[in-house]
Full PDB file with SEQRES, HELIX, SHEET, SSBOND, CRYST1, ORIGX, SCALE, CONECT and MASTER records, all heavy atoms in Angstrom:
SEQRES   1 A   42  VAL PHE ALA LEU GLU ASP ASP ASP ILE ASP ARG LEU ALA          
SEQRES   2 A   42  GLU GLU THR ILE GLU ALA VAL ALA GLY LEU MET ALA CYS          
SEQRES   3 A   42  ILE GLN GLU CYS ARG ALA ALA VAL GLY ASP ARG LEU SER          
SEQRES   4 A   42  GLU ALA ILE                                                  
HELIX    1 AA1 ASP A    6  ARG A   37  1                                  32    
CRYST1    1.000    1.000    1.000  90.00  90.00  90.00 P 1           1          
ORIGX1      1.000000  0.000000  0.000000        0.00000                         
ORIGX2      0.000000  1.000000  0.000000        0.00000                         
ORIGX3      0.000000  0.000000  1.000000        0.00000                         
SCALE1      1.000000  0.000000  0.000000        0.00000                         
SCALE2      0.000000  1.000000  0.000000        0.00000                         
SCALE3      0.000000  0.000000  1.000000        0.00000                         
ATOM      1  N   VAL A   1      -2.043 -11.248 -25.515  1.00  0.00           N  
ATOM      2  CA  VAL A   1      -1.893 -10.959 -24.186  1.00  0.00           C  
ATOM      3  C   VAL A   1      -2.642 -12.058 -23.182  1.00  0.00           C  
ATOM      4  O   VAL A   1      -2.531 -11.931 -22.002  1.00  0.00           O  
ATOM      5  CB  VAL A   1      -2.767  -9.591 -23.796  1.00  0.00           C  
ATOM      6  CG1 VAL A   1      -2.042  -8.426 -24.616  1.00  0.00           C  
ATOM      7  CG2 VAL A   1      -4.133  -9.643 -24.053  1.00  0.00           C  
ATOM      8  N   PHE A   2      -3.270 -13.097 -23.811  1.00  0.00           N  
ATOM      9  CA  PHE A   2      -3.897 -13.976 -23.087  1.00  0.00           C  
ATOM     10  C   PHE A   2      -2.988 -14.968 -22.356  1.00  0.00           C  
ATOM     11  O   PHE A   2      -3.170 -15.380 -21.272  1.00  0.00           O  
ATOM     12  CB  PHE A   2      -4.878 -14.816 -24.072  1.00  0.00           C  
ATOM     13  CG  PHE A   2      -5.671 -15.827 -23.267  1.00  0.00           C  
ATOM     14  CD1 PHE A   2      -6.506 -15.501 -22.233  1.00  0.00           C  
ATOM     15  CD2 PHE A   2      -5.579 -17.161 -23.583  1.00  0.00           C  
ATOM     16  CE1 PHE A   2      -7.323 -16.467 -21.630  1.00  0.00           C  
ATOM     17  CE2 PHE A   2      -6.228 -18.146 -22.906  1.00  0.00           C  
ATOM     18  CZ  PHE A   2      -7.157 -17.787 -21.891  1.00  0.00           C  
ATOM     19  N   ALA A   3      -1.908 -15.324 -23.026  1.00  0.00           N  
ATOM     20  CA  ALA A   3      -1.008 -16.368 -22.414  1.00  0.00           C  
ATOM     21  C   ALA A   3       0.037 -15.817 -21.607  1.00  0.00           C  
ATOM     22  O   ALA A   3       1.269 -16.018 -21.842  1.00  0.00           O  
ATOM     23  CB  ALA A   3      -0.491 -17.277 -23.650  1.00  0.00           C  
ATOM     24  N   LEU A   4      -0.299 -15.027 -20.670  1.00  0.00           N  
ATOM     25  CA  LEU A   4       0.692 -14.404 -19.776  1.00  0.00           C  
ATOM     26  C   LEU A   4       1.459 -15.509 -18.879  1.00  0.00           C  
ATOM     27  O   LEU A   4       0.653 -16.141 -18.186  1.00  0.00           O  
ATOM     28  CB  LEU A   4       0.177 -13.338 -18.919  1.00  0.00           C  
ATOM     29  CG  LEU A   4      -0.085 -11.963 -19.684  1.00  0.00           C  
ATOM     30  CD1 LEU A   4      -0.872 -11.023 -18.664  1.00  0.00           C  
ATOM     31  CD2 LEU A   4       1.175 -11.211 -20.042  1.00  0.00           C  
ATOM     32  N   GLU A   5       2.726 -15.309 -18.646  1.00  0.00           N  
ATOM     33  CA  GLU A   5       3.390 -16.180 -17.785  1.00  0.00           C  
ATOM     34  C   GLU A   5       3.284 -15.648 -16.304  1.00  0.00           C  
ATOM     35  O   GLU A   5       3.025 -14.355 -16.043  1.00  0.00           O  
ATOM     36  CB  GLU A   5       4.909 -16.321 -18.128  1.00  0.00           C  
ATOM     37  CG  GLU A   5       5.216 -16.918 -19.391  1.00  0.00           C  
ATOM     38  CD  GLU A   5       4.867 -18.299 -19.495  1.00  0.00           C  
ATOM     39  OE1 GLU A   5       4.864 -19.082 -18.400  1.00  0.00           O  
ATOM     40  OE2 GLU A   5       4.644 -18.829 -20.554  1.00  0.00           O  
ATOM     41  N   ASP A   6       3.326 -16.459 -15.324  1.00  0.00           N  
ATOM     42  CA  ASP A   6       3.161 -16.054 -13.930  1.00  0.00           C  
ATOM     43  C   ASP A   6       4.233 -14.950 -13.511  1.00  0.00           C  
ATOM     44  O   ASP A   6       3.813 -13.998 -12.830  1.00  0.00           O  
ATOM     45  CB  ASP A   6       3.331 -17.215 -13.038  1.00  0.00           C  
ATOM     46  CG  ASP A   6       2.102 -18.212 -12.927  1.00  0.00           C  
ATOM     47  OD1 ASP A   6       1.075 -17.753 -13.502  1.00  0.00           O  
ATOM     48  OD2 ASP A   6       2.204 -19.242 -12.449  1.00  0.00           O  
ATOM     49  N   ASP A   7       5.288 -15.088 -14.042  1.00  0.00           N  
ATOM     50  CA  ASP A   7       6.359 -13.989 -13.744  1.00  0.00           C  
ATOM     51  C   ASP A   7       5.914 -12.625 -14.245  1.00  0.00           C  
ATOM     52  O   ASP A   7       6.068 -11.626 -13.661  1.00  0.00           O  
ATOM     53  CB  ASP A   7       7.808 -14.348 -14.331  1.00  0.00           C  
ATOM     54  CG  ASP A   7       8.399 -15.481 -13.599  1.00  0.00           C  
ATOM     55  OD1 ASP A   7       7.882 -15.833 -12.543  1.00  0.00           O  
ATOM     56  OD2 ASP A   7       9.360 -16.030 -14.021  1.00  0.00           O  
ATOM     57  N   ASP A   8       5.368 -12.645 -15.549  1.00  0.00           N  
ATOM     58  CA  ASP A   8       4.858 -11.433 -16.038  1.00  0.00           C  
ATOM     59  C   ASP A   8       3.692 -10.942 -15.266  1.00  0.00           C  
ATOM     60  O   ASP A   8       3.567  -9.609 -15.174  1.00  0.00           O  
ATOM     61  CB  ASP A   8       4.517 -11.671 -17.384  1.00  0.00           C  
ATOM     62  CG  ASP A   8       5.734 -11.936 -18.430  1.00  0.00           C  
ATOM     63  OD1 ASP A   8       6.788 -11.450 -18.113  1.00  0.00           O  
ATOM     64  OD2 ASP A   8       5.528 -12.647 -19.357  1.00  0.00           O  
ATOM     65  N   ILE A   9       2.842 -11.720 -14.839  1.00  0.00           N  
ATOM     66  CA  ILE A   9       1.729 -11.269 -14.105  1.00  0.00           C  
ATOM     67  C   ILE A   9       2.135 -10.750 -12.783  1.00  0.00           C  
ATOM     68  O   ILE A   9       1.580  -9.720 -12.421  1.00  0.00           O  
ATOM     69  CB  ILE A   9       0.717 -12.490 -13.850  1.00  0.00           C  
ATOM     70  CG1 ILE A   9       0.025 -12.952 -15.062  1.00  0.00           C  
ATOM     71  CG2 ILE A   9      -0.253 -12.138 -12.785  1.00  0.00           C  
ATOM     72  CD1 ILE A   9      -0.802 -14.185 -14.974  1.00  0.00           C  
ATOM     73  N   ASP A  10       3.016 -11.364 -11.954  1.00  0.00           N  
ATOM     74  CA  ASP A  10       3.559 -10.831 -10.712  1.00  0.00           C  
ATOM     75  C   ASP A  10       4.168  -9.471 -10.999  1.00  0.00           C  
ATOM     76  O   ASP A  10       3.928  -8.442 -10.184  1.00  0.00           O  
ATOM     77  CB  ASP A  10       4.482 -11.683 -10.171  1.00  0.00           C  
ATOM     78  CG  ASP A  10       3.895 -13.034  -9.759  1.00  0.00           C  
ATOM     79  OD1 ASP A  10       2.697 -13.114  -9.476  1.00  0.00           O  
ATOM     80  OD2 ASP A  10       4.651 -13.986  -9.543  1.00  0.00           O  
ATOM     81  N   ARG A  11       4.953  -9.162 -12.107  1.00  0.00           N  
ATOM     82  CA  ARG A  11       5.705  -8.101 -12.263  1.00  0.00           C  
ATOM     83  C   ARG A  11       4.574  -6.838 -12.617  1.00  0.00           C  
ATOM     84  O   ARG A  11       4.686  -5.775 -12.098  1.00  0.00           O  
ATOM     85  CB  ARG A  11       6.586  -8.226 -13.503  1.00  0.00           C  
ATOM     86  CG  ARG A  11       7.342  -6.836 -13.916  1.00  0.00           C  
ATOM     87  CD  ARG A  11       8.195  -7.049 -15.052  1.00  0.00           C  
ATOM     88  NE  ARG A  11       7.633  -7.759 -16.191  1.00  0.00           N  
ATOM     89  CZ  ARG A  11       6.766  -6.910 -17.047  1.00  0.00           C  
ATOM     90  NH1 ARG A  11       6.570  -5.785 -16.951  1.00  0.00           N  
ATOM     91  NH2 ARG A  11       6.308  -7.632 -18.136  1.00  0.00           N  
ATOM     92  N   LEU A  12       3.573  -7.190 -13.481  1.00  0.00           N  
ATOM     93  CA  LEU A  12       2.611  -6.131 -13.842  1.00  0.00           C  
ATOM     94  C   LEU A  12       1.743  -5.728 -12.696  1.00  0.00           C  
ATOM     95  O   LEU A  12       1.377  -4.602 -12.567  1.00  0.00           O  
ATOM     96  CB  LEU A  12       1.767  -6.754 -15.035  1.00  0.00           C  
ATOM     97  CG  LEU A  12       2.500  -6.825 -16.384  1.00  0.00           C  
ATOM     98  CD1 LEU A  12       1.692  -7.654 -17.363  1.00  0.00           C  
ATOM     99  CD2 LEU A  12       2.829  -5.467 -17.018  1.00  0.00           C  
ATOM    100  N   ALA A  13       1.392  -6.791 -11.931  1.00  0.00           N  
ATOM    101  CA  ALA A  13       0.580  -6.568 -10.705  1.00  0.00           C  
ATOM    102  C   ALA A  13       1.232  -5.686  -9.702  1.00  0.00           C  
ATOM    103  O   ALA A  13       0.698  -4.674  -9.086  1.00  0.00           O  
ATOM    104  CB  ALA A  13       0.103  -7.776 -10.113  1.00  0.00           C  
ATOM    105  N   GLU A  14       2.474  -5.927  -9.561  1.00  0.00           N  
ATOM    106  CA  GLU A  14       3.254  -5.255  -8.511  1.00  0.00           C  
ATOM    107  C   GLU A  14       3.483  -3.725  -9.036  1.00  0.00           C  
ATOM    108  O   GLU A  14       3.308  -2.732  -8.237  1.00  0.00           O  
ATOM    109  CB  GLU A  14       4.826  -5.881  -8.346  1.00  0.00           C  
ATOM    110  CG  GLU A  14       5.552  -5.097  -7.321  1.00  0.00           C  
ATOM    111  CD  GLU A  14       6.856  -5.662  -7.012  1.00  0.00           C  
ATOM    112  OE1 GLU A  14       7.119  -6.814  -7.647  1.00  0.00           O  
ATOM    113  OE2 GLU A  14       7.748  -5.150  -6.269  1.00  0.00           O  
ATOM    114  N   GLU A  15       3.678  -3.552 -10.399  1.00  0.00           N  
ATOM    115  CA  GLU A  15       3.863  -2.187 -10.846  1.00  0.00           C  
ATOM    116  C   GLU A  15       2.635  -1.402 -10.702  1.00  0.00           C  
ATOM    117  O   GLU A  15       2.627  -0.309 -10.408  1.00  0.00           O  
ATOM    118  CB  GLU A  15       4.361  -2.254 -12.312  1.00  0.00           C  
ATOM    119  CG  GLU A  15       5.727  -2.765 -12.574  1.00  0.00           C  
ATOM    120  CD  GLU A  15       6.027  -2.938 -14.081  1.00  0.00           C  
ATOM    121  OE1 GLU A  15       5.122  -2.756 -14.936  1.00  0.00           O  
ATOM    122  OE2 GLU A  15       7.215  -3.369 -14.535  1.00  0.00           O  
ATOM    123  N   THR A  16       1.476  -2.048 -10.930  1.00  0.00           N  
ATOM    124  CA  THR A  16       0.237  -1.508 -10.805  1.00  0.00           C  
ATOM    125  C   THR A  16      -0.062  -1.075  -9.359  1.00  0.00           C  
ATOM    126  O   THR A  16      -0.557   0.074  -9.114  1.00  0.00           O  
ATOM    127  CB  THR A  16      -1.011  -2.487 -11.307  1.00  0.00           C  
ATOM    128  OG1 THR A  16      -0.688  -2.765 -12.600  1.00  0.00           O  
ATOM    129  CG2 THR A  16      -2.362  -1.876 -11.160  1.00  0.00           C  
ATOM    130  N   ILE A  17       0.102  -2.042  -8.381  1.00  0.00           N  
ATOM    131  CA  ILE A  17      -0.154  -1.781  -7.063  1.00  0.00           C  
ATOM    132  C   ILE A  17       0.708  -0.542  -6.594  1.00  0.00           C  
ATOM    133  O   ILE A  17       0.242   0.269  -5.845  1.00  0.00           O  
ATOM    134  CB  ILE A  17      -0.041  -3.011  -6.222  1.00  0.00           C  
ATOM    135  CG1 ILE A  17      -1.087  -4.073  -6.483  1.00  0.00           C  
ATOM    136  CG2 ILE A  17      -0.006  -2.721  -4.744  1.00  0.00           C  
ATOM    137  CD1 ILE A  17      -0.969  -5.412  -5.999  1.00  0.00           C  
ATOM    138  N   GLU A  18       1.982  -0.600  -6.859  1.00  0.00           N  
ATOM    139  CA  GLU A  18       2.793   0.504  -6.494  1.00  0.00           C  
ATOM    140  C   GLU A  18       2.524   1.955  -7.009  1.00  0.00           C  
ATOM    141  O   GLU A  18       2.561   2.804  -6.281  1.00  0.00           O  
ATOM    142  CB  GLU A  18       4.302   0.130  -6.795  1.00  0.00           C  
ATOM    143  CG  GLU A  18       4.982  -0.885  -5.987  1.00  0.00           C  
ATOM    144  CD  GLU A  18       4.993  -0.502  -4.572  1.00  0.00           C  
ATOM    145  OE1 GLU A  18       5.389   0.659  -4.260  1.00  0.00           O  
ATOM    146  OE2 GLU A  18       4.763  -1.213  -3.660  1.00  0.00           O  
ATOM    147  N   ALA A  19       2.008   1.848  -8.295  1.00  0.00           N  
ATOM    148  CA  ALA A  19       1.410   3.120  -8.961  1.00  0.00           C  
ATOM    149  C   ALA A  19       0.278   3.710  -8.171  1.00  0.00           C  
ATOM    150  O   ALA A  19       0.272   4.818  -7.905  1.00  0.00           O  
ATOM    151  CB  ALA A  19       1.277   2.931 -10.325  1.00  0.00           C  
ATOM    152  N   VAL A  20      -0.659   2.838  -7.867  1.00  0.00           N  
ATOM    153  CA  VAL A  20      -1.859   3.261  -7.185  1.00  0.00           C  
ATOM    154  C   VAL A  20      -1.527   3.665  -5.857  1.00  0.00           C  
ATOM    155  O   VAL A  20      -2.027   4.738  -5.328  1.00  0.00           O  
ATOM    156  CB  VAL A  20      -3.020   2.212  -7.117  1.00  0.00           C  
ATOM    157  CG1 VAL A  20      -4.174   2.643  -6.486  1.00  0.00           C  
ATOM    158  CG2 VAL A  20      -3.332   1.823  -8.562  1.00  0.00           C  
ATOM    159  N   ALA A  21      -0.715   2.924  -5.050  1.00  0.00           N  
ATOM    160  CA  ALA A  21      -0.459   3.163  -3.660  1.00  0.00           C  
ATOM    161  C   ALA A  21       0.452   4.474  -3.593  1.00  0.00           C  
ATOM    162  O   ALA A  21       0.427   5.114  -2.575  1.00  0.00           O  
ATOM    163  CB  ALA A  21       0.286   1.969  -3.114  1.00  0.00           C  
ATOM    164  N   GLY A  22       1.175   4.669  -4.592  1.00  0.00           N  
ATOM    165  CA  GLY A  22       2.101   5.841  -4.557  1.00  0.00           C  
ATOM    166  C   GLY A  22       1.227   7.191  -4.630  1.00  0.00           C  
ATOM    167  O   GLY A  22       1.857   8.171  -3.996  1.00  0.00           O  
ATOM    168  N   LEU A  23       0.114   7.136  -5.022  1.00  0.00           N  
ATOM    169  CA  LEU A  23      -0.679   8.403  -4.868  1.00  0.00           C  
ATOM    170  C   LEU A  23      -0.971   8.683  -3.415  1.00  0.00           C  
ATOM    171  O   LEU A  23      -0.993   9.857  -2.947  1.00  0.00           O  
ATOM    172  CB  LEU A  23      -2.122   8.257  -5.614  1.00  0.00           C  
ATOM    173  CG  LEU A  23      -3.083   9.432  -5.607  1.00  0.00           C  
ATOM    174  CD1 LEU A  23      -2.413  10.784  -6.052  1.00  0.00           C  
ATOM    175  CD2 LEU A  23      -4.315   9.297  -6.376  1.00  0.00           C  
ATOM    176  N   MET A  24      -1.287   7.671  -2.735  1.00  0.00           N  
ATOM    177  CA  MET A  24      -1.572   7.762  -1.206  1.00  0.00           C  
ATOM    178  C   MET A  24      -0.314   8.399  -0.655  1.00  0.00           C  
ATOM    179  O   MET A  24      -0.300   9.380   0.340  1.00  0.00           O  
ATOM    180  CB  MET A  24      -1.957   6.505  -0.627  1.00  0.00           C  
ATOM    181  CG  MET A  24      -2.321   6.692   1.050  1.00  0.00           C  
ATOM    182  SD  MET A  24      -3.902   7.630   0.988  1.00  0.00           S  
ATOM    183  CE  MET A  24      -3.564   8.787   2.244  1.00  0.00           C  
ATOM    184  N   ALA A  25       0.882   7.954  -0.960  1.00  0.00           N  
ATOM    185  CA  ALA A  25       2.073   8.496  -0.394  1.00  0.00           C  
ATOM    186  C   ALA A  25       2.327   9.982  -0.840  1.00  0.00           C  
ATOM    187  O   ALA A  25       2.768  10.684   0.086  1.00  0.00           O  
ATOM    188  CB  ALA A  25       3.296   7.731  -0.959  1.00  0.00           C  
ATOM    189  N   CYS A  26       1.856  10.357  -2.036  1.00  0.00           N  
ATOM    190  CA  CYS A  26       2.025  11.816  -2.413  1.00  0.00           C  
ATOM    191  C   CYS A  26       1.128  12.730  -1.468  1.00  0.00           C  
ATOM    192  O   CYS A  26       1.491  13.686  -0.962  1.00  0.00           O  
ATOM    193  CB  CYS A  26       1.722  11.897  -3.871  1.00  0.00           C  
ATOM    194  SG  CYS A  26       2.744  11.113  -5.038  1.00  0.00           S  
ATOM    195  N   ILE A  27      -0.114  12.149  -1.229  1.00  0.00           N  
ATOM    196  CA  ILE A  27      -1.091  12.863  -0.407  1.00  0.00           C  
ATOM    197  C   ILE A  27      -0.651  12.996   0.922  1.00  0.00           C  
ATOM    198  O   ILE A  27      -0.674  14.105   1.518  1.00  0.00           O  
ATOM    199  CB  ILE A  27      -2.389  12.098  -0.370  1.00  0.00           C  
ATOM    200  CG1 ILE A  27      -3.170  12.178  -1.779  1.00  0.00           C  
ATOM    201  CG2 ILE A  27      -3.375  12.708   0.633  1.00  0.00           C  
ATOM    202  CD1 ILE A  27      -4.364  11.286  -1.924  1.00  0.00           C  
ATOM    203  N   GLN A  28      -0.016  12.070   1.530  1.00  0.00           N  
ATOM    204  CA  GLN A  28       0.453  12.074   2.945  1.00  0.00           C  
ATOM    205  C   GLN A  28       1.547  13.047   3.007  1.00  0.00           C  
ATOM    206  O   GLN A  28       1.765  13.710   3.970  1.00  0.00           O  
ATOM    207  CB  GLN A  28       0.793  10.670   3.289  1.00  0.00           C  
ATOM    208  CG  GLN A  28      -0.384   9.826   3.584  1.00  0.00           C  
ATOM    209  CD  GLN A  28      -0.039   8.345   3.951  1.00  0.00           C  
ATOM    210  OE1 GLN A  28       0.961   7.846   3.407  1.00  0.00           O  
ATOM    211  NE2 GLN A  28      -0.868   7.606   4.605  1.00  0.00           N  
ATOM    212  N   GLU A  29       2.531  12.950   2.101  1.00  0.00           N  
ATOM    213  CA  GLU A  29       3.736  13.814   2.119  1.00  0.00           C  
ATOM    214  C   GLU A  29       3.470  15.230   2.023  1.00  0.00           C  
ATOM    215  O   GLU A  29       3.997  16.095   2.674  1.00  0.00           O  
ATOM    216  CB  GLU A  29       4.752  13.281   1.073  1.00  0.00           C  
ATOM    217  CG  GLU A  29       6.072  14.064   1.118  1.00  0.00           C  
ATOM    218  CD  GLU A  29       7.114  13.525   0.231  1.00  0.00           C  
ATOM    219  OE1 GLU A  29       6.869  12.519  -0.475  1.00  0.00           O  
ATOM    220  OE2 GLU A  29       8.123  14.071   0.005  1.00  0.00           O  
ATOM    221  N   CYS A  30       2.482  15.597   1.120  1.00  0.00           N  
ATOM    222  CA  CYS A  30       2.091  17.047   0.845  1.00  0.00           C  
ATOM    223  C   CYS A  30       1.413  17.534   2.166  1.00  0.00           C  
ATOM    224  O   CYS A  30       1.725  18.617   2.601  1.00  0.00           O  
ATOM    225  CB  CYS A  30       1.270  17.135  -0.315  1.00  0.00           C  
ATOM    226  SG  CYS A  30       0.843  18.827  -0.706  1.00  0.00           S  
ATOM    227  N   ARG A  31       0.432  16.764   2.654  1.00  0.00           N  
ATOM    228  CA  ARG A  31      -0.187  17.272   3.854  1.00  0.00           C  
ATOM    229  C   ARG A  31       0.743  17.345   5.078  1.00  0.00           C  
ATOM    230  O   ARG A  31       0.726  18.429   5.832  1.00  0.00           O  
ATOM    231  CB  ARG A  31      -1.291  16.243   4.249  1.00  0.00           C  
ATOM    232  CG  ARG A  31      -2.489  16.228   3.221  1.00  0.00           C  
ATOM    233  CD  ARG A  31      -3.573  15.320   3.630  1.00  0.00           C  
ATOM    234  NE  ARG A  31      -4.706  15.360   2.628  1.00  0.00           N  
ATOM    235  CZ  ARG A  31      -5.888  14.571   2.812  1.00  0.00           C  
ATOM    236  NH1 ARG A  31      -5.970  13.908   3.801  1.00  0.00           N  
ATOM    237  NH2 ARG A  31      -6.700  14.760   1.877  1.00  0.00           N  
ATOM    238  N   ALA A  32       1.660  16.443   5.289  1.00  0.00           N  
ATOM    239  CA  ALA A  32       2.699  16.591   6.343  1.00  0.00           C  
ATOM    240  C   ALA A  32       3.538  17.828   6.096  1.00  0.00           C  
ATOM    241  O   ALA A  32       3.905  18.500   7.018  1.00  0.00           O  
ATOM    242  CB  ALA A  32       3.486  15.284   6.313  1.00  0.00           C  
ATOM    243  N   ALA A  33       3.925  18.156   4.860  1.00  0.00           N  
ATOM    244  CA  ALA A  33       4.761  19.330   4.577  1.00  0.00           C  
ATOM    245  C   ALA A  33       4.156  20.541   4.883  1.00  0.00           C  
ATOM    246  O   ALA A  33       4.655  21.488   5.485  1.00  0.00           O  
ATOM    247  CB  ALA A  33       5.255  19.231   3.094  1.00  0.00           C  
ATOM    248  N   VAL A  34       2.718  20.750   4.586  1.00  0.00           N  
ATOM    249  CA  VAL A  34       1.892  21.911   4.815  1.00  0.00           C  
ATOM    250  C   VAL A  34       1.922  21.989   6.310  1.00  0.00           C  
ATOM    251  O   VAL A  34       2.042  23.154   6.893  1.00  0.00           O  
ATOM    252  CB  VAL A  34       0.602  21.865   4.284  1.00  0.00           C  
ATOM    253  CG1 VAL A  34      -0.186  23.002   4.639  1.00  0.00           C  
ATOM    254  CG2 VAL A  34       0.730  21.731   2.699  1.00  0.00           C  
ATOM    255  N   GLY A  35       1.574  20.964   7.112  1.00  0.00           N  
ATOM    256  CA  GLY A  35       1.455  20.974   8.591  1.00  0.00           C  
ATOM    257  C   GLY A  35       2.793  21.361   9.240  1.00  0.00           C  
ATOM    258  O   GLY A  35       2.857  22.261  10.055  1.00  0.00           O  
ATOM    259  N   ASP A  36       3.902  20.799   8.691  1.00  0.00           N  
ATOM    260  CA  ASP A  36       5.255  21.130   9.263  1.00  0.00           C  
ATOM    261  C   ASP A  36       5.546  22.664   8.982  1.00  0.00           C  
ATOM    262  O   ASP A  36       6.083  23.264   9.862  1.00  0.00           O  
ATOM    263  CB  ASP A  36       6.322  20.286   8.582  1.00  0.00           C  
ATOM    264  CG  ASP A  36       6.260  18.874   9.090  1.00  0.00           C  
ATOM    265  OD1 ASP A  36       5.593  18.520  10.055  1.00  0.00           O  
ATOM    266  OD2 ASP A  36       6.851  17.949   8.415  1.00  0.00           O  
ATOM    267  N   ARG A  37       5.288  23.191   7.861  1.00  0.00           N  
ATOM    268  CA  ARG A  37       5.582  24.540   7.448  1.00  0.00           C  
ATOM    269  C   ARG A  37       4.796  25.471   8.477  1.00  0.00           C  
ATOM    270  O   ARG A  37       5.490  26.519   8.812  1.00  0.00           O  
ATOM    271  CB  ARG A  37       5.271  24.863   6.047  1.00  0.00           C  
ATOM    272  CG  ARG A  37       5.733  26.240   5.609  1.00  0.00           C  
ATOM    273  CD  ARG A  37       5.528  26.410   4.173  1.00  0.00           C  
ATOM    274  NE  ARG A  37       5.842  27.759   3.875  1.00  0.00           N  
ATOM    275  CZ  ARG A  37       7.063  28.273   3.678  1.00  0.00           C  
ATOM    276  NH1 ARG A  37       8.083  27.500   3.869  1.00  0.00           N  
ATOM    277  NH2 ARG A  37       7.269  29.573   3.396  1.00  0.00           N  
ATOM    278  N   LEU A  38       3.615  25.190   8.778  1.00  0.00           N  
ATOM    279  CA  LEU A  38       2.718  26.031   9.582  1.00  0.00           C  
ATOM    280  C   LEU A  38       2.681  25.590  11.064  1.00  0.00           C  
ATOM    281  O   LEU A  38       1.808  26.053  11.815  1.00  0.00           O  
ATOM    282  CB  LEU A  38       1.369  26.214   8.944  1.00  0.00           C  
ATOM    283  CG  LEU A  38       1.298  26.819   7.505  1.00  0.00           C  
ATOM    284  CD1 LEU A  38      -0.103  26.700   7.072  1.00  0.00           C  
ATOM    285  CD2 LEU A  38       1.823  28.089   7.512  1.00  0.00           C  
ATOM    286  N   SER A  39       3.538  24.682  11.446  1.00  0.00           N  
ATOM    287  CA  SER A  39       3.436  23.962  12.787  1.00  0.00           C  
ATOM    288  C   SER A  39       3.321  24.993  13.902  1.00  0.00           C  
ATOM    289  O   SER A  39       2.457  25.006  14.807  1.00  0.00           O  
ATOM    290  CB  SER A  39       4.554  23.130  12.994  1.00  0.00           C  
ATOM    291  OG  SER A  39       4.553  22.470  14.175  1.00  0.00           O  
ATOM    292  N   GLU A  40       4.274  25.919  13.980  1.00  0.00           N  
ATOM    293  CA  GLU A  40       4.315  26.876  15.179  1.00  0.00           C  
ATOM    294  C   GLU A  40       3.090  27.763  15.110  1.00  0.00           C  
ATOM    295  O   GLU A  40       2.466  27.988  16.258  1.00  0.00           O  
ATOM    296  CB  GLU A  40       5.590  27.746  14.990  1.00  0.00           C  
ATOM    297  CG  GLU A  40       5.677  28.611  16.260  1.00  0.00           C  
ATOM    298  CD  GLU A  40       7.099  29.463  16.161  1.00  0.00           C  
ATOM    299  OE1 GLU A  40       7.987  29.043  15.471  1.00  0.00           O  
ATOM    300  OE2 GLU A  40       7.234  30.191  17.098  1.00  0.00           O  
ATOM    301  N   ALA A  41       2.742  28.243  13.993  1.00  0.00           N  
ATOM    302  CA  ALA A  41       1.481  29.057  13.891  1.00  0.00           C  
ATOM    303  C   ALA A  41       0.223  28.292  14.212  1.00  0.00           C  
ATOM    304  O   ALA A  41      -0.642  28.954  14.894  1.00  0.00           O  
ATOM    305  CB  ALA A  41       1.417  29.617  12.510  1.00  0.00           C  
ATOM    306  N   ILE A  42       0.104  27.136  13.913  1.00  0.00           N  
ATOM    307  CA  ILE A  42      -1.125  26.294  14.199  1.00  0.00           C  
ATOM    308  C   ILE A  42      -1.165  26.059  15.649  1.00  0.00           C  
ATOM    309  O   ILE A  42      -2.242  26.367  16.219  1.00  0.00           O  
ATOM    310  CB  ILE A  42      -0.985  24.898  13.481  1.00  0.00           C  
ATOM    311  CG1 ILE A  42      -1.141  25.135  11.974  1.00  0.00           C  
ATOM    312  CG2 ILE A  42      -2.056  24.027  14.078  1.00  0.00           C  
ATOM    313  CD1 ILE A  42      -0.757  23.854  11.286  1.00  0.00           C  
TER     314      ILE A  42                                                      
MASTER        0    0    0    1    0    0    0    6  313    1    0    4          
END                                                                             
């Protein structure tokens, strides 16, 4: 694993960042959905 090529590093880093950032997207989408469902009552 020591001799990684730059292309492999870019791919792995992008996959990692997208996976971590994806959790924030889940949080935002769920909260928005709850708010939308109860919007009128709120």
